[in-house]
């Protein structure tokens, strides 16, 4: 967009600029009018913000027109009608293919008031929406942390339960394969599995963001899932595998106990 805007300057200031005596006079004069942001009206503040954004984005070019007498070349007051007055409004729109649309004139302000009011309402609504962006981002982060902790806690509880009953494997990767087989069998039967011994650190999970019910076990201050569905169990062991893959040990040397210790540590990190 290219704008040619009139500047309401004192004739002596305009004359200095027209005579090329001081090329910085225009900038100094215009900046002086905006020296105190506390005195800006809301329309001025909004307009300046929009112009600043457009300038930074490189989508607007502004030139300033000064009012001078057509014959003598002498600067005259901006609102003087001695030699006509500046009020014409032209617009040229051009698309990427070079097609142009030209508009001339402008609507009376009173007639455009409803349109302006509607635009303001739309801008206000957009502002209210963007004001919640930070809150939505924070909720998304809490949700991600909560679900990651649930997955890790479920994997820990499931594997620990198998070890307590004497059915676990000392090698973590073999144990993980055995757990996945159990999940596949139960999925084929159309049911879930009970998961005990979810670590007590689960108490720090923001449960509002978790789509599964995890209950507290009073006897040993741990948690448990009554019927963990296959999607939760699969996500749990995928998460456990990612944690184990980060341990610098050969697969044959990675013990289940070592992996469980790292899983708990990862839960604490996620919830910190």
Protein backbone atom coordinates (compact mmCIF):
# COMPACT_ATOMS: atom_id res chain seq x y z
CA UNK A 1 0.00 0.00 0.00
CA UNK A 2 1.21 3.51 -0.82
CA UNK A 3 -0.20 6.50 1.04
CA UNK A 4 0.15 10.19 0.27
CA UNK A 5 -0.90 12.04 3.42
CA UNK A 6 -1.22 15.75 4.08
CA UNK A 7 0.73 17.26 6.97
CA UNK A 8 -0.81 20.04 9.06
CA UNK A 9 2.32 22.18 9.53
CA UNK A 10 2.86 25.84 10.18
CA UNK A 11 3.55 27.55 6.81
CA UNK A 12 7.05 28.60 7.96
CA UNK A 13 7.93 24.99 8.79
CA UNK A 14 6.49 23.78 5.51
CA UNK A 15 8.45 26.45 3.63
CA UNK A 16 11.71 25.33 5.21
CA UNK A 17 11.06 21.80 3.98
CA UNK A 18 9.96 22.97 0.51
CA UNK A 19 13.13 25.04 0.20
CA UNK A 20 15.18 21.95 1.17
CA UNK A 21 16.77 23.90 4.00
CA UNK A 22 16.17 21.16 6.53
CA UNK A 23 15.24 17.67 5.30
CA UNK A 24 14.70 16.51 8.89
CA UNK A 25 12.26 19.30 9.78
CA UNK A 26 9.21 17.27 8.77
CA UNK A 27 10.18 14.26 10.90
CA UNK A 28 11.01 16.50 13.87
CA UNK A 29 7.70 18.32 13.61
CA UNK A 30 5.60 15.16 13.26
CA UNK A 31 7.44 13.36 16.06
CA UNK A 32 6.96 16.36 18.34
CA UNK A 33 3.20 15.98 17.93
CA UNK A 34 3.50 12.42 19.26
CA UNK A 35 6.07 13.11 21.96
CA UNK A 36 3.84 12.10 24.89
CA UNK A 37 2.09 8.72 24.38
CA UNK A 38 -0.02 9.37 27.50
CA UNK A 39 -1.91 12.06 25.63
CA UNK A 40 -2.81 9.84 22.65
CA UNK A 41 -6.46 9.10 22.14
CA UNK A 42 -7.48 5.49 21.59
CA UNK A 43 -7.98 5.99 17.81
CA UNK A 44 -4.52 7.57 17.53
CA UNK A 45 -2.91 4.74 19.49
CA UNK A 46 -4.69 2.08 17.43
CA UNK A 47 -3.82 3.84 14.18
CA UNK A 48 -0.15 4.19 15.07
CA UNK A 49 0.04 0.54 16.10
CA UNK A 50 -1.45 -0.52 12.78
CA UNK A 51 0.87 1.76 10.79
CA UNK A 52 3.90 0.56 12.74
CA UNK A 53 3.00 -3.06 12.03
CA UNK A 54 2.46 -2.37 8.32
CA UNK A 55 5.76 -0.50 8.06
CA UNK A 56 7.64 -3.30 9.82
CA UNK A 57 5.99 -5.86 7.55
CA UNK A 58 7.01 -3.82 4.52
CA UNK A 59 3.49 -3.58 3.15
CA UNK A 60 3.05 0.20 3.25
CA UNK A 61 4.93 3.22 1.90
CA UNK A 62 4.02 6.71 3.11
CA UNK A 63 4.78 10.07 1.51
CA UNK A 64 3.79 13.41 2.97
CA UNK A 65 2.23 16.19 0.86
CA UNK A 66 2.65 19.86 1.81
CA UNK A 67 0.17 22.56 0.82
CA UNK A 68 1.66 25.34 -1.28
CA UNK A 69 0.31 27.90 -3.71
CA UNK A 70 0.16 26.55 -7.23
CA UNK A 71 1.54 29.73 -8.83
CA UNK A 72 3.90 31.22 -6.25
CA UNK A 73 5.11 27.96 -4.72
CA UNK A 74 4.80 29.54 -1.25
CA UNK A 75 3.62 27.32 1.58
CA UNK A 76 0.11 28.05 2.81
CA UNK A 77 -1.82 26.72 5.83
CA UNK A 78 -3.05 23.18 5.40
CA UNK A 79 -6.72 24.16 5.86
CA UNK A 80 -6.49 27.26 3.64
CA UNK A 81 -8.76 27.47 0.59
CA UNK A 82 -6.77 30.25 -1.00
CA UNK A 83 -5.66 27.93 -3.78
CA UNK A 84 -8.02 25.00 -3.33
CA UNK A 85 -7.80 22.62 -0.42
CA UNK A 86 -6.51 19.09 0.12
CA UNK A 87 -9.38 16.66 0.42
CA UNK A 88 -9.23 14.37 -2.58
CA UNK A 89 -9.01 10.67 -1.88
CA UNK A 90 -7.79 8.22 -4.48
CA UNK A 91 -7.11 4.51 -4.15
CA UNK A 92 -5.44 2.14 -6.59
CA UNK A 93 -5.64 -1.59 -5.86
CA UNK A 94 -3.39 -3.96 -7.80
CA UNK A 95 -3.21 -7.75 -7.60
CA UNK A 96 -0.34 -10.13 -8.36
CA UNK A 97 -1.39 -10.35 -12.02
CA UNK A 98 -1.19 -6.58 -12.48
CA UNK A 99 -4.95 -6.00 -12.58
CA UNK A 100 -5.86 -2.60 -11.17
CA UNK A 101 -8.96 -1.13 -9.59
CA UNK A 102 -9.19 2.64 -9.02
CA UNK A 103 -11.49 4.33 -6.50
CA UNK A 104 -12.12 8.03 -5.99
CA UNK A 105 -13.67 9.97 -3.10
CA UNK A 106 -14.87 8.76 0.30
CA UNK A 107 -18.10 8.26 2.20
CA UNK A 108 -19.31 10.82 4.67
CA UNK A 109 -18.21 9.95 8.22
CA UNK A 110 -21.75 9.92 9.57
CA UNK A 111 -22.78 7.43 6.92
CA UNK A 112 -19.81 5.18 7.63
CA UNK A 113 -20.31 5.27 11.41
CA UNK A 114 -22.25 1.95 11.56
CA UNK A 115 -19.58 0.28 9.43
CA UNK A 116 -16.78 1.67 11.61
CA UNK A 117 -18.64 0.55 14.74
CA UNK A 118 -18.97 -2.96 13.29
CA UNK A 119 -15.27 -3.06 12.48
CA UNK A 120 -14.48 -1.96 16.03
CA UNK A 121 -16.71 -4.72 17.44
CA UNK A 122 -14.90 -7.27 15.29
CA UNK A 123 -11.52 -5.93 16.41
CA UNK A 124 -12.62 -6.06 20.06
CA UNK A 125 -13.80 -9.65 19.66
CA UNK A 126 -10.49 -10.62 18.06
CA UNK A 127 -8.58 -8.94 20.88
CA UNK A 128 -10.59 -10.86 23.49
CA UNK A 129 -9.76 -14.11 21.71
CA UNK A 130 -6.05 -13.38 21.44
CA UNK A 131 -5.97 -12.33 25.10
CA UNK A 132 -6.58 -16.00 25.99
CA UNK A 133 -3.82 -17.38 23.78
CA UNK A 134 -1.29 -17.55 26.62
CA UNK A 135 -3.84 -19.28 28.87
CA UNK A 136 -4.68 -21.83 26.16
CA UNK A 137 -0.97 -22.50 25.56
CA UNK A 138 -0.45 -23.05 29.30
CA UNK A 139 -3.41 -25.46 29.44
CA UNK A 140 -2.06 -27.37 26.44
CA UNK A 141 1.31 -27.67 28.13
CA UNK A 142 -0.25 -28.91 31.36
CA UNK A 143 -2.33 -31.39 29.39
CA UNK A 144 0.71 -32.73 27.60
CA UNK A 145 2.64 -33.10 30.86
CA UNK A 146 -0.27 -34.78 32.61
CA UNK A 147 -0.82 -37.34 29.87
CA UNK A 148 2.92 -38.06 29.60
CA UNK A 149 3.05 -38.68 33.35
CA UNK A 150 0.00 -40.98 33.20
CA UNK A 151 1.59 -43.02 30.42
CA UNK A 152 4.89 -43.39 32.28
CA UNK A 153 3.15 -44.14 35.57
CA UNK A 154 0.99 -46.80 33.94
CA UNK A 155 4.02 -48.50 32.38
CA UNK A 156 5.84 -48.42 35.72
CA UNK A 157 2.84 -49.83 37.59
CA UNK A 158 2.16 -52.59 35.07
CA UNK A 159 5.77 -53.81 34.96
CA UNK A 160 6.20 -53.53 38.73
CA UNK A 161 3.03 -55.55 39.26
CA UNK A 162 4.36 -58.34 37.05
CA UNK A 163 7.65 -58.36 38.94
CA UNK A 164 5.86 -58.55 42.30
CA UNK A 165 3.93 -61.60 41.10
CA UNK A 166 7.11 -63.25 39.82
CA UNK A 167 6.19 -62.98 36.14
CA UNK A 168 8.59 -60.27 35.02
CA UNK A 169 11.80 -60.53 33.00
CA UNK A 170 15.05 -59.03 34.26
CA UNK A 171 15.87 -57.68 30.79
CA UNK A 172 13.77 -54.61 30.10
CA UNK A 173 13.31 -55.13 26.36
CA UNK A 174 12.19 -58.72 26.84
CA UNK A 175 9.83 -57.58 29.58
CA UNK A 176 8.44 -54.90 27.26
CA UNK A 177 7.78 -57.49 24.54
CA UNK A 178 5.97 -59.69 27.06
CA UNK A 179 3.81 -56.76 28.17
CA UNK A 180 2.90 -55.92 24.59
CA UNK A 181 1.85 -59.55 23.98
CA UNK A 182 -0.44 -59.41 27.00
CA UNK A 183 -2.00 -56.20 25.72
CA UNK A 184 -2.56 -57.75 22.27
CA UNK A 185 -4.24 -60.80 23.83
CA UNK A 186 -6.50 -58.69 26.02
CA UNK A 187 -7.36 -56.40 23.11
CA UNK A 188 -8.40 -59.44 21.08
CA UNK A 189 -10.67 -60.44 23.96
CA UNK A 190 -12.16 -56.95 24.03
CA UNK A 191 -11.15 -55.84 27.54
CA UNK A 192 -8.68 -53.85 29.58
CA UNK A 193 -6.16 -54.70 32.26
CA UNK A 194 -5.91 -53.62 35.88
CA UNK A 195 -2.74 -51.67 36.67
CA UNK A 196 -1.47 -51.46 40.25
CA UNK A 197 1.44 -49.61 41.87
CA UNK A 198 1.37 -46.39 39.83
CA UNK A 199 4.03 -44.23 41.63
CA UNK A 200 2.87 -41.81 44.34
CA UNK A 201 4.34 -38.90 42.37
CA UNK A 202 1.20 -39.23 40.22
CA UNK A 203 -0.39 -37.11 42.96
CA UNK A 204 1.10 -34.07 41.18
CA UNK A 205 -0.72 -34.76 37.90
CA UNK A 206 -3.31 -32.18 36.80
CA UNK A 207 -6.10 -34.77 36.62
CA UNK A 208 -8.48 -32.40 34.82
CA UNK A 209 -6.42 -33.04 31.69
CA UNK A 210 -6.45 -36.84 31.95
CA UNK A 211 -9.20 -38.83 30.21
CA UNK A 212 -8.71 -41.88 32.47
CA UNK A 213 -9.73 -42.44 36.09
CA UNK A 214 -6.71 -43.17 38.28
CA UNK A 215 -7.52 -44.03 41.89
CA UNK A 216 -5.47 -43.66 45.05
CA UNK A 217 -4.57 -46.83 46.93
CA UNK A 218 -4.68 -45.98 50.63
CA UNK A 219 -2.62 -48.93 51.86
CA UNK A 220 0.70 -47.94 50.27
CA UNK A 221 0.03 -44.42 49.00
CA UNK A 222 0.25 -45.52 45.36
CA UNK A 223 -2.33 -45.28 42.59
CA UNK A 224 -4.08 -47.77 40.34
CA UNK A 225 -6.16 -47.97 37.19
CA UNK A 226 -9.15 -50.29 37.53
CA UNK A 227 -9.47 -51.17 33.84
CA UNK A 228 -6.76 -49.62 31.72
CA UNK A 229 -7.89 -49.61 28.07
CA UNK A 230 -5.50 -50.82 25.33
CA UNK A 231 -4.86 -47.27 23.96
CA UNK A 232 -3.55 -46.19 27.38
CA UNK A 233 -1.43 -49.32 27.75
CA UNK A 234 0.04 -49.01 24.26
CA UNK A 235 0.85 -45.33 24.87
CA UNK A 236 2.38 -46.32 28.22
CA UNK A 237 4.79 -48.83 26.75
CA UNK A 238 5.66 -46.56 23.83
CA UNK A 239 6.61 -43.90 26.38
CA UNK A 240 8.61 -46.40 28.43
CA UNK A 241 10.46 -47.54 25.30
CA UNK A 242 11.43 -43.94 24.47
CA UNK A 243 12.81 -43.44 27.97
CA UNK A 244 14.75 -46.72 27.83
CA UNK A 245 16.16 -45.88 24.41
CA UNK A 246 17.81 -42.85 26.00
CA UNK A 247 19.79 -45.01 28.42
CA UNK A 248 23.31 -45.66 27.17
CA UNK A 249 23.29 -49.39 27.55
CA UNK A 250 23.20 -52.27 25.08
CA UNK A 251 19.77 -53.83 24.85
CA UNK A 252 21.09 -57.07 26.29
CA UNK A 253 22.51 -55.20 29.31
CA UNK A 254 19.54 -52.97 30.13
CA UNK A 255 17.87 -54.35 33.23
CA UNK A 256 14.20 -53.81 34.03
CA UNK A 257 15.14 -52.29 37.37
CA UNK A 258 17.37 -49.74 35.68
CA UNK A 259 14.63 -48.78 33.22
CA UNK A 260 12.02 -48.43 35.99
CA UNK A 261 14.32 -46.10 37.92
CA UNK A 262 14.72 -43.92 34.82
CA UNK A 263 10.95 -43.94 34.19
CA UNK A 264 10.27 -42.57 37.67
CA UNK A 265 12.96 -39.92 37.16
CA UNK A 266 11.33 -38.94 33.86
CA UNK A 267 7.93 -38.66 35.58
CA UNK A 268 9.44 -36.26 38.10
CA UNK A 269 11.03 -34.22 35.32
CA UNK A 270 7.76 -34.01 33.37
CA UNK A 271 5.85 -32.87 36.44
CA UNK A 272 8.46 -30.39 37.70
